[in-house]
Amino acid sequence: MRNFLQLCCISIALLMVVSACGNHNITAEEVQKALQHQGLEVTKINVGIAEQDEGSSLQLNGVFPGAFELTLPAADMANREFVFIYEHSSEEESKLANQSNGISSLQMVDLQPNIRQKKNVVVIYWSHNKENPLMINQFTKVMDEL
């Protein structure tokens, strides 16, 4: 009986540890590393460097993004493409930001948004090609694996 109780306690403790690992918040750095793991060059930039429409704000529900320029190594890219990562304190806050009208107000000159929400982050891949974004496969794979 004593061994059974010890085994139950150990099992419960392991289950709690595994559950806690699966529920951690995602950071912009984790997204950046995952994109790099997909073979992309990911360079942190100042949000002000990214072109945007006159009078628009890149804030989403009061959160400024971690902004990165994406490039393909050894490729001559005619246009700049970006990924913006909005970190929120919880998954609920992130879902609310994703469902709000705030996303529709985000605009960048000549760029099309590809939006994904995962756990506590909203990630927007800004591409010049609306029908066939250049790095959509890498972006989708990263967001699915996070």
Protein backbone atom coordinates (compact mmCIF):
# COMPACT_ATOMS: atom_id res chain seq x y z
CA MET A 1 0.00 0.00 0.00
CA ARG A 2 2.84 2.36 0.89
CA ASN A 3 4.54 1.74 -2.48
CA PHE A 4 1.25 2.37 -4.25
CA LEU A 5 0.84 5.74 -2.48
CA GLN A 6 4.43 6.73 -3.30
CA LEU A 7 3.87 5.78 -6.94
CA CYS A 8 0.66 7.85 -7.04
CA CYS A 9 2.41 10.88 -5.53
CA ILE A 10 5.27 10.63 -8.01
CA SER A 11 2.83 10.23 -10.90
CA ILE A 12 0.84 13.28 -9.82
CA ALA A 13 4.02 15.34 -9.43
CA LEU A 14 5.23 14.33 -12.91
CA LEU A 15 1.83 15.13 -14.39
CA MET A 16 1.93 18.59 -12.81
CA VAL A 17 5.43 19.26 -14.17
CA VAL A 18 4.47 18.13 -17.70
CA SER A 19 1.28 20.19 -17.59
CA ALA A 20 3.16 23.28 -16.45
CA CYS A 21 5.68 22.91 -19.27
CA GLY A 22 2.92 22.79 -21.88
CA ASN A 23 1.26 25.96 -20.61
CA HIS A 24 4.20 28.38 -20.56
CA ASN A 25 3.91 31.72 -22.28
CA ILE A 26 5.64 32.11 -25.64
CA THR A 27 8.24 34.86 -25.97
CA ALA A 28 9.26 36.88 -29.01
CA GLU A 29 12.72 35.35 -28.65
CA GLU A 30 11.26 31.83 -28.95
CA VAL A 31 9.41 32.81 -32.13
CA GLN A 32 12.59 34.43 -33.49
CA LYS A 33 14.65 31.28 -32.82
CA ALA A 34 11.97 29.05 -34.35
CA LEU A 35 11.98 31.15 -37.53
CA GLN A 36 15.78 30.95 -37.66
CA HIS A 37 15.52 27.18 -37.22
CA GLN A 38 13.40 27.19 -40.41
CA GLY A 39 16.37 28.67 -42.28
CA LEU A 40 15.29 32.31 -42.26
CA GLU A 41 17.46 35.26 -41.34
CA VAL A 42 15.61 37.14 -38.61
CA THR A 43 16.93 40.58 -37.71
CA LYS A 44 15.45 42.61 -34.85
CA ILE A 45 14.48 46.10 -35.96
CA ASN A 46 13.03 49.22 -34.43
CA VAL A 47 9.28 49.34 -35.16
CA GLY A 48 9.73 52.84 -36.58
CA ILE A 49 11.94 51.44 -39.36
CA ALA A 50 9.06 49.41 -40.79
CA GLU A 51 7.04 51.42 -43.28
CA GLN A 52 3.51 52.19 -42.18
CA ASP A 53 0.63 54.33 -43.34
CA GLU A 54 0.44 57.94 -42.24
CA GLY A 55 -1.26 58.23 -38.86
CA SER A 56 -1.45 54.49 -38.20
CA SER A 57 -0.16 52.87 -35.05
CA LEU A 58 1.45 49.46 -34.82
CA GLN A 59 0.15 48.95 -31.28
CA LEU A 60 -2.34 46.16 -30.68
CA ASN A 61 -4.49 46.80 -27.61
CA GLY A 62 -1.71 48.94 -26.13
CA VAL A 63 1.09 46.43 -26.86
CA PHE A 64 3.99 47.32 -29.15
CA PRO A 65 5.36 44.42 -31.17
CA GLY A 66 8.75 42.82 -31.19
CA ALA A 67 9.60 43.62 -34.81
CA PHE A 68 11.89 41.61 -37.06
CA GLU A 69 12.88 41.72 -40.71
CA LEU A 70 12.77 38.37 -42.49
CA THR A 71 15.08 37.38 -45.33
CA LEU A 72 16.01 34.21 -47.12
CA PRO A 73 19.76 33.51 -46.93
CA ALA A 74 21.60 33.96 -50.22
CA ALA A 75 18.45 35.34 -51.90
CA ASP A 76 18.18 38.70 -53.59
CA MET A 77 14.93 39.94 -52.09
CA ALA A 78 13.35 42.83 -53.96
CA ASN A 79 11.06 43.76 -51.06
CA ARG A 80 11.42 43.82 -47.31
CA GLU A 81 9.20 41.48 -45.27
CA PHE A 82 8.58 41.56 -41.55
CA VAL A 83 7.19 39.62 -38.63
CA PHE A 84 5.63 41.40 -35.67
CA ILE A 85 5.21 39.53 -32.39
CA TYR A 86 2.74 40.86 -29.84
CA GLU A 87 3.36 39.26 -26.44
CA HIS A 88 0.44 39.36 -24.03
CA SER A 89 0.35 38.28 -20.41
CA SER A 90 -2.18 35.51 -21.02
CA GLU A 91 -3.83 33.46 -23.74
CA GLU A 92 -7.17 35.13 -23.00
CA GLU A 93 -5.67 38.60 -23.51
CA SER A 94 -4.07 37.44 -26.75
CA LYS A 95 -7.35 35.99 -28.05
CA LEU A 96 -9.14 39.22 -27.18
CA ALA A 97 -6.51 41.24 -29.08
CA ASN A 98 -6.79 38.89 -32.07
CA GLN A 99 -10.59 39.22 -32.12
CA SER A 100 -10.65 42.97 -31.62
CA ASN A 101 -10.93 45.59 -34.31
CA GLY A 102 -7.36 46.58 -33.48
CA ILE A 103 -5.88 44.10 -35.92
CA SER A 104 -7.91 45.48 -38.81
CA SER A 105 -6.49 48.94 -38.09
CA LEU A 106 -2.89 47.72 -38.43
CA GLN A 107 -1.58 48.66 -41.84
CA MET A 108 1.79 48.83 -43.52
CA VAL A 109 2.50 50.34 -46.93
CA ASP A 110 2.25 47.72 -49.71
CA LEU A 111 2.32 44.81 -47.23
CA GLN A 112 -0.30 42.16 -46.56
CA PRO A 113 -0.81 40.70 -43.06
CA ASN A 114 -0.81 36.97 -42.32
CA ILE A 115 -2.09 36.71 -38.75
CA ARG A 116 -1.78 33.81 -36.30
CA GLN A 117 -2.58 33.66 -32.60
CA LYS A 118 -0.92 31.00 -30.46
CA LYS A 119 -1.13 30.85 -26.68
CA ASN A 120 -0.22 34.35 -25.43
CA VAL A 121 1.09 35.80 -28.71
CA VAL A 122 -0.35 37.31 -31.86
CA VAL A 123 2.14 37.05 -34.71
CA ILE A 124 1.78 38.92 -37.98
CA TYR A 125 3.89 38.07 -41.01
CA TRP A 126 3.84 41.06 -43.37
CA SER A 127 4.40 40.02 -46.99
CA HIS A 128 4.37 41.84 -50.32
CA ASN A 129 2.57 38.99 -52.06
CA LYS A 130 -1.03 38.52 -50.92
CA GLU A 131 -1.77 35.33 -52.90
CA ASN A 132 1.54 33.54 -52.34
CA PRO A 133 3.60 35.02 -49.48
CA LEU A 134 7.28 34.20 -49.96
CA MET A 135 7.91 32.69 -46.51
CA ILE A 136 4.42 31.46 -45.61
CA ASN A 137 5.47 27.79 -45.37
CA GLN A 138 8.17 28.55 -42.79
CA PHE A 139 5.85 30.91 -40.91
CA THR A 140 3.01 28.38 -40.81
CA LYS A 141 5.31 25.57 -39.66
CA VAL A 142 6.73 27.71 -36.85
CA MET A 143 3.30 28.73 -35.61
CA ASP A 144 2.02 25.14 -35.75
CA GLU A 145 5.01 23.86 -33.76
CA LEU A 146 5.02 26.50 -31.02
